[in-house]
Amino acid sequence: AKANRIETGLQAAGIDAEWLLAQRRVVADRRRLAAVAVNVALDGERVEIAGFLVPAPPIGNGVPTAYLLPDRGVCSHLPPSPPNQLIRLRITDPRDAGGFCIPVIVRGTLRAEEVRHEARIHDHAVPMWSAWVLETDRVSY
């Protein structure tokens, strides 16, 4: 009943309710895309980024990996950050892969590369979807 009154009011004002609802979907889709979009100008750049380290299983060839998260609470109490804020680290020195949710500064070459894996966070697996990979040459604790 209320929806019919609203639709009648919109029609009286010359507004197509179906078009308006379709625009909401367009905006929602654009917001979803923006949440995963990367700044392509940074692809291949040497960077230094601070964040919080979460170890991850090694890549098939044994290269140690981790994730760099922008916020500490994301490590165990909150869902993972959006893919464009989550960086998968390929770590050169295996000694740099340790620690859980500790603050670090990483340096290396940033690549726009989508990666999906699961990471063990305490007692459960968390899907980690990253839009970035960083080939690290230095991890500072």
Protein backbone atom coordinates (compact mmCIF):
# COMPACT_ATOMS: atom_id res chain seq x y z
CA ALA A 1 0.00 0.00 0.00
CA LYS A 2 2.73 2.46 0.99
CA ALA A 3 4.80 1.50 -2.07
CA ASN A 4 1.79 2.14 -4.32
CA ARG A 5 1.28 5.60 -2.80
CA ILE A 6 4.95 6.42 -3.31
CA GLU A 7 4.87 5.18 -6.90
CA THR A 8 1.71 7.18 -7.59
CA GLY A 9 3.35 10.28 -6.11
CA LEU A 10 6.46 9.77 -8.26
CA GLN A 11 4.33 9.31 -11.38
CA ALA A 12 2.42 12.50 -10.55
CA ALA A 13 5.77 14.30 -10.36
CA GLY A 14 6.76 12.87 -13.76
CA ILE A 15 9.34 10.45 -12.33
CA ASP A 16 9.54 6.88 -13.62
CA ALA A 17 9.85 4.68 -10.51
CA GLU A 18 11.34 1.75 -12.47
CA TRP A 19 14.02 4.03 -13.94
CA LEU A 20 14.77 5.42 -10.49
CA LEU A 21 15.20 1.92 -9.03
CA ALA A 22 17.41 0.95 -11.98
CA GLN A 23 19.63 3.96 -11.21
CA ARG A 24 20.06 2.72 -7.64
CA ARG A 25 21.40 -0.55 -9.07
CA VAL A 26 23.75 1.38 -11.38
CA VAL A 27 25.11 3.36 -8.43
CA ALA A 28 25.48 0.20 -6.32
CA ASP A 29 27.41 -1.51 -9.14
CA ARG A 30 29.69 1.52 -9.53
CA ARG A 31 30.39 1.52 -5.79
CA ARG A 32 31.26 -2.20 -5.89
CA LEU A 33 33.68 -1.60 -8.77
CA ALA A 34 35.24 1.39 -7.01
CA ALA A 35 35.87 -0.75 -3.92
CA VAL A 36 38.10 -3.10 -5.92
CA ALA A 37 39.60 -0.64 -8.42
CA VAL A 38 43.33 -0.01 -8.26
CA ASN A 39 45.31 3.07 -9.17
CA VAL A 40 47.08 1.76 -12.29
CA ALA A 41 49.61 4.61 -12.04
CA LEU A 42 51.11 2.71 -9.06
CA ASP A 43 51.54 -0.57 -10.96
CA GLY A 44 55.27 -1.35 -11.12
CA GLU A 45 56.25 1.48 -8.76
CA ARG A 46 58.79 1.12 -5.94
CA VAL A 47 56.94 1.91 -2.72
CA GLU A 48 57.29 1.95 1.04
CA ILE A 49 54.06 1.21 2.92
CA ALA A 50 53.21 0.82 6.61
CA GLY A 51 50.57 -1.61 7.84
CA PHE A 52 49.97 -4.75 9.85
CA LEU A 53 51.39 -8.13 8.84
CA VAL A 54 49.38 -11.36 8.68
CA PRO A 55 51.42 -14.42 7.64
CA ALA A 56 49.99 -16.57 4.84
CA PRO A 57 50.92 -19.97 3.40
CA PRO A 58 53.87 -19.99 1.00
CA ILE A 59 53.33 -19.92 -2.74
CA GLY A 60 53.68 -23.28 -4.53
CA ASN A 61 57.41 -22.74 -5.09
CA GLY A 62 57.97 -22.16 -1.35
CA VAL A 63 58.20 -18.35 -1.47
CA PRO A 64 57.00 -16.99 1.90
CA THR A 65 53.93 -14.77 1.76
CA ALA A 66 51.91 -12.54 4.03
CA TYR A 67 49.24 -9.87 3.80
CA LEU A 68 49.66 -6.22 4.64
CA LEU A 69 46.50 -4.82 6.23
CA PRO A 70 45.75 -1.13 6.78
CA ASP A 71 44.21 -1.56 10.25
CA ARG A 72 45.09 -3.71 13.26
CA GLY A 73 41.55 -4.90 14.10
CA VAL A 74 41.13 -6.41 10.65
CA CYS A 75 43.63 -9.08 11.61
CA SER A 76 41.25 -11.03 13.80
CA HIS A 77 38.08 -9.19 14.74
CA LEU A 78 36.80 -7.60 11.53
CA PRO A 79 36.29 -8.78 7.94
CA PRO A 80 39.26 -8.26 5.58
CA SER A 81 39.73 -4.87 3.96
CA PRO A 82 38.50 -4.29 0.40
CA PRO A 83 40.81 -5.81 -2.22
CA ASN A 84 42.31 -2.45 -3.21
CA GLN A 85 43.42 -1.92 0.41
CA LEU A 86 44.86 -5.40 0.94
CA ILE A 87 48.36 -6.22 -0.31
CA ARG A 88 49.68 -9.74 -0.78
CA LEU A 89 53.40 -9.75 0.05
CA ARG A 90 55.92 -12.02 -1.62
CA ILE A 91 58.74 -12.01 0.87
CA THR A 92 62.37 -12.30 -0.20
CA ASP A 93 63.83 -13.14 3.21
CA PRO A 94 61.90 -15.94 5.02
CA ARG A 95 62.83 -14.39 8.39
CA ASP A 96 60.60 -11.43 7.47
CA ALA A 97 57.44 -13.57 7.25
CA GLY A 98 56.96 -13.98 11.01
CA GLY A 99 54.65 -12.29 13.43
CA PHE A 100 50.90 -11.89 13.50
CA CYS A 101 49.24 -8.52 13.12
CA ILE A 102 52.38 -6.64 14.06
CA PRO A 103 53.12 -3.18 12.67
CA VAL A 104 55.64 -3.21 9.81
CA ILE A 105 56.96 -1.05 7.03
CA VAL A 106 57.50 -2.89 3.75
CA ARG A 107 59.46 -1.76 0.74
CA GLY A 108 59.42 -3.22 -2.75
CA THR A 109 57.77 -3.20 -6.15
CA LEU A 110 53.98 -2.94 -6.24
CA ARG A 111 52.01 -4.84 -8.89
CA ALA A 112 48.31 -4.65 -9.72
CA GLU A 113 47.58 -8.37 -9.53
CA GLU A 114 44.45 -9.97 -8.15
CA VAL A 115 45.05 -12.80 -5.69
CA ARG A 116 42.52 -14.86 -3.73
CA HIS A 117 43.55 -17.18 -0.90
CA GLU A 118 42.47 -18.19 2.55
CA ALA A 119 44.52 -17.27 5.61
CA ARG A 120 44.27 -18.90 9.02
CA ILE A 121 43.32 -16.28 11.59
CA HIS A 122 43.46 -17.82 15.04
CA ASP A 123 40.97 -20.70 14.84
CA HIS A 124 39.31 -20.12 11.46
CA ALA A 125 40.01 -19.49 7.77
CA VAL A 126 39.36 -16.06 6.31
CA PRO A 127 39.02 -15.45 2.55
CA MET A 128 41.66 -12.88 1.55
CA TRP A 129 41.10 -11.10 -1.76
CA SER A 130 43.86 -8.72 -2.75
CA ALA A 131 44.12 -6.47 -5.80
CA TRP A 132 47.85 -5.84 -5.15
CA VAL A 133 51.03 -7.89 -4.82
CA LEU A 134 54.22 -6.42 -3.40
CA GLU A 135 57.56 -8.06 -4.18
CA THR A 136 59.29 -7.09 -0.95
CA ASP A 137 62.97 -6.42 -0.64
CA ARG A 138 62.71 -5.12 2.92
CA VAL A 139 60.42 -5.59 5.91
CA SER A 140 61.07 -3.38 8.94
CA TYR A 141 59.56 -4.20 12.32
